[in-house]
C-alpha atoms as a PDB file:
ATOM      1  CA  MET A   1    -135.659 -86.325 -45.725  1.00  0.00           C
ATOM      2  CA  LEU A   2    -134.646 -82.652 -45.728  1.00  0.00           C
ATOM      3  CA  GLU A   3    -137.784 -80.865 -43.822  1.00  0.00           C
ATOM      4  CA  ARG A   4    -137.973 -77.329 -44.949  1.00  0.00           C
ATOM      5  CA  ALA A   5    -139.147 -74.461 -43.272  1.00  0.00           C
ATOM      6  CA  HIS A   6    -140.978 -72.095 -45.322  1.00  0.00           C
ATOM      7  CA  ARG A   7    -143.441 -70.006 -42.779  1.00  0.00           C
ATOM      8  CA  LEU A   8    -141.730 -66.415 -42.930  1.00  0.00           C
ATOM      9  CA  ALA A   9    -143.149 -66.259 -38.985  1.00  0.00           C
ATOM     10  CA  LYS A  10    -140.816 -69.621 -38.476  1.00  0.00           C
ATOM     11  CA  PHE A  11    -137.651 -67.492 -39.908  1.00  0.00           C
ATOM     12  CA  HIS A  12    -138.521 -64.289 -37.486  1.00  0.00           C
ATOM     13  CA  GLU A  13    -138.624 -66.605 -34.647  1.00  0.00           C
ATOM     14  CA  VAL A  14    -135.345 -68.117 -35.441  1.00  0.00           C
ATOM     15  CA  TYR A  15    -134.194 -64.566 -36.041  1.00  0.00           C
ATOM     16  CA  ARG A  16    -135.962 -63.160 -32.507  1.00  0.00           C
ATOM     17  CA  VAL A  17    -135.026 -65.302 -30.063  1.00  0.00           C
ATOM     18  CA  GLY A  18    -131.998 -67.899 -31.502  1.00  0.00           C
ATOM     19  CA  ARG A  19    -128.529 -68.080 -31.214  1.00  0.00           C
ATOM     20  CA  VAL A  20    -126.145 -67.516 -34.199  1.00  0.00           C
ATOM     21  CA  VAL A  21    -122.885 -69.448 -35.068  1.00  0.00           C
ATOM     22  CA  ARG A  22    -121.213 -67.952 -37.771  1.00  0.00           C
ATOM     23  CA  GLY A  23    -118.541 -69.070 -40.346  1.00  0.00           C
ATOM     24  CA  ARG A  24    -116.679 -67.878 -43.272  1.00  0.00           C
ATOM     25  CA  PHE A  25    -119.439 -68.148 -45.821  1.00  0.00           C
ATOM     26  CA  LEU A  26    -122.531 -68.828 -43.691  1.00  0.00           C
ATOM     27  CA  SER A  27    -123.742 -68.301 -40.571  1.00  0.00           C
ATOM     28  CA  VAL A  28    -126.706 -70.908 -38.359  1.00  0.00           C
ATOM     29  CA  ARG A  29    -129.108 -69.355 -36.457  1.00  0.00           C
ATOM     30  CA  PHE A  30    -131.689 -71.904 -34.300  1.00  0.00           C
ATOM     31  CA  ILE A  31    -133.893 -72.759 -31.834  1.00  0.00           C
ATOM     32  CA  ARG A  32    -134.751 -76.006 -29.882  1.00  0.00           C
ATOM     33  CA  LYS A  33    -138.062 -76.751 -30.404  1.00  0.00           C
ATOM     34  CA  PRO A  34    -140.673 -79.551 -29.215  1.00  0.00           C
ATOM     35  CA  ILE A  35    -140.925 -81.169 -32.553  1.00  0.00           C
ATOM     36  CA  GLU A  36    -140.101 -84.500 -34.333  1.00  0.00           C
ATOM     37  CA  ASN A  37    -138.128 -83.426 -37.501  1.00  0.00           C
ATOM     38  CA  THR A  38    -135.025 -80.942 -37.673  1.00  0.00           C
ATOM     39  CA  ARG A  39    -136.626 -77.970 -40.158  1.00  0.00           C
ATOM     40  CA  VAL A  40    -134.156 -76.026 -42.238  1.00  0.00           C
ATOM     41  CA  GLY A  41    -134.659 -72.995 -43.948  1.00  0.00           C
ATOM     42  CA  PHE A  42    -131.856 -71.025 -46.023  1.00  0.00           C
ATOM     43  CA  ALA A  43    -131.362 -66.902 -46.640  1.00  0.00           C
ATOM     44  CA  VAL A  44    -129.254 -65.559 -49.442  1.00  0.00           C
ATOM     45  CA  ALA A  45    -127.711 -62.277 -48.745  1.00  0.00           C
ATOM     46  CA  ARG A  46    -129.424 -59.468 -50.375  1.00  0.00           C
ATOM     47  CA  VAL A  47    -126.028 -58.141 -52.352  1.00  0.00           C
ATOM     48  CA  VAL A  48    -126.000 -61.484 -54.324  1.00  0.00           C
ATOM     49  CA  ARG A  49    -127.474 -60.242 -57.301  1.00  0.00           C
ATOM     50  CA  GLY A  50    -129.516 -62.086 -59.904  1.00  0.00           C
ATOM     51  CA  LYS A  51    -132.180 -65.004 -58.772  1.00  0.00           C
ATOM     52  CA  VAL A  52    -130.366 -67.672 -60.651  1.00  0.00           C
ATOM     53  CA  GLN A  53    -127.564 -67.042 -58.543  1.00  0.00           C
ATOM     54  CA  LYS A  54    -129.180 -67.030 -54.987  1.00  0.00           C
ATOM     55  CA  ASN A  55    -131.365 -70.283 -56.093  1.00  0.00           C
ATOM     56  CA  ARG A  56    -128.094 -71.846 -56.891  1.00  0.00           C
ATOM     57  CA  LEU A  57    -126.473 -71.081 -53.509  1.00  0.00           C
ATOM     58  CA  LYS A  58    -129.441 -72.387 -51.807  1.00  0.00           C
ATOM     59  CA  ARG A  59    -129.333 -75.770 -53.841  1.00  0.00           C
ATOM     60  CA  ARG A  60    -125.590 -76.163 -52.916  1.00  0.00           C
ATOM     61  CA  LEU A  61    -126.401 -75.662 -49.167  1.00  0.00           C
ATOM     62  CA  ARG A  62    -129.441 -77.860 -49.256  1.00  0.00           C
ATOM     63  CA  SER A  63    -127.266 -80.534 -50.730  1.00  0.00           C
ATOM     64  CA  VAL A  64    -124.665 -79.868 -47.909  1.00  0.00           C
ATOM     65  CA  CYS A  65    -127.302 -80.195 -45.281  1.00  0.00           C
ATOM     66  CA  ARG A  66    -128.882 -83.610 -46.543  1.00  0.00           C
ATOM     67  CA  GLN A  67    -125.603 -85.562 -46.346  1.00  0.00           C
ATOM     68  CA  HIS A  68    -125.081 -84.367 -43.012  1.00  0.00           C
ATOM     69  CA  LEU A  69    -129.144 -84.746 -41.833  1.00  0.00           C
ATOM     70  CA  ASP A  70    -128.480 -87.728 -40.098  1.00  0.00           C
ATOM     71  CA  GLU A  71    -125.916 -85.994 -37.673  1.00  0.00           C
ATOM     72  CA  LEU A  72    -127.726 -83.460 -36.789  1.00  0.00           C
ATOM     73  CA  GLN A  73    -130.256 -83.267 -33.141  1.00  0.00           C
ATOM     74  CA  LYS A  74    -133.758 -84.143 -34.269  1.00  0.00           C
ATOM     75  CA  ASP A  75    -135.484 -80.897 -32.253  1.00  0.00           C
ATOM     76  CA  LEU A  76    -133.650 -77.552 -33.972  1.00  0.00           C
ATOM     77  CA  ASP A  77    -135.199 -74.942 -36.469  1.00  0.00           C
ATOM     78  CA  ILE A  78    -132.120 -73.712 -38.179  1.00  0.00           C
ATOM     79  CA  VAL A  79    -131.871 -70.684 -40.896  1.00  0.00           C
ATOM     80  CA  VAL A  80    -128.774 -70.779 -42.763  1.00  0.00           C
ATOM     81  CA  ASN A  81    -127.810 -67.468 -43.644  1.00  0.00           C
ATOM     82  CA  ILE A  82    -125.298 -67.699 -46.951  1.00  0.00           C
ATOM     83  CA  PHE A  83    -123.323 -64.723 -47.181  1.00  0.00           C
ATOM     84  CA  SER A  84    -121.964 -63.172 -50.455  1.00  0.00           C
ATOM     85  CA  ALA A  85    -118.644 -64.866 -50.380  1.00  0.00           C
ATOM     86  CA  ALA A  86    -120.288 -68.193 -50.814  1.00  0.00           C
ATOM     87  CA  SER A  87    -120.983 -67.524 -54.532  1.00  0.00           C
ATOM     88  CA  GLU A  88    -116.825 -67.856 -55.055  1.00  0.00           C
ATOM     89  CA  ALA A  89    -116.250 -71.155 -52.487  1.00  0.00           C
ATOM     90  CA  SER A  90    -115.936 -74.568 -53.889  1.00  0.00           C
ATOM     91  CA  PHE A  91    -118.619 -77.228 -52.718  1.00  0.00           C
ATOM     92  CA  LYS A  92    -116.048 -78.647 -50.626  1.00  0.00           C
ATOM     93  CA  ASP A  93    -115.230 -75.369 -49.040  1.00  0.00           C
ATOM     94  CA  LEU A  94    -118.912 -74.844 -48.082  1.00  0.00           C
ATOM     95  CA  GLU A  95    -118.903 -78.242 -47.184  1.00  0.00           C
ATOM     96  CA  GLN A  96    -116.242 -77.923 -44.591  1.00  0.00           C
ATOM     97  CA  ASP A  97    -118.131 -74.243 -43.438  1.00  0.00           C
ATOM     98  CA  TYR A  98    -121.202 -76.090 -42.525  1.00  0.00           C
ATOM     99  CA  VAL A  99    -119.663 -78.933 -40.982  1.00  0.00           C
ATOM    100  CA  ARG A 100    -117.185 -76.439 -38.838  1.00  0.00           C
ATOM    101  CA  VAL A 101    -120.487 -73.914 -37.745  1.00  0.00           C
ATOM    102  CA  ILE A 102    -122.586 -76.887 -36.543  1.00  0.00           C
ATOM    103  CA  ASN A 103    -119.723 -78.637 -34.339  1.00  0.00           C
ATOM    104  CA  ARG A 104    -119.381 -74.847 -32.946  1.00  0.00           C
ATOM    105  CA  ALA A 105    -123.069 -74.415 -32.484  1.00  0.00           C
ATOM    106  CA  GLY A 106    -122.956 -78.417 -30.731  1.00  0.00           C
ATOM    107  CA  LEU A 107    -126.055 -79.443 -33.139  1.00  0.00           C
ATOM    108  CA  THR A 108    -124.432 -82.632 -33.982  1.00  0.00           C
ATOM    109  CA  VAL A 109    -125.385 -85.635 -31.913  1.00  0.00           C
ATOM    110  CA  VAL A 110    -121.704 -86.555 -32.432  1.00  0.00           C
ATOM    111  CA  ALA A 111    -118.986 -83.985 -33.286  1.00  0.00           C
ATOM    112  CA  LEU A 112    -118.423 -84.537 -37.146  1.00  0.00           C
ATOM    113  CA  GLN A 113    -114.440 -84.304 -38.338  1.00  0.00           C
ATOM    114  CA  GLU A 114    -113.532 -81.480 -40.439  1.00  0.00           C
ATOM    115  CA  GLN A 115    -112.055 -83.009 -42.693  1.00  0.00           C
ATOM    116  CA  VAL A 116    -114.740 -84.213 -45.329  1.00  0.00           C
END
């Protein structure tokens, strides 16, 4: 199950001390913590207008993260920042960008194939 990071303090901690790896449609900020499960939070760029559009982007990325959850290491707090360009991207493009970014960040147990 995808455990979500809800508290604003957890987001601030990841932003303050975490590493960042950027892709075309998103960036991933993360820190390693002595926790049992990986927690993932989502933030959409302010330039994306409308709650419907923002929630749609978060749902799409949440689905991508859920599909690749087993490949992630288990001791991470992650914040996925979704750029405005993601609103024009296909689901497959978002998934490929996510896989590329988490591989570059070294967050996977085994490197995922980029050809999704």
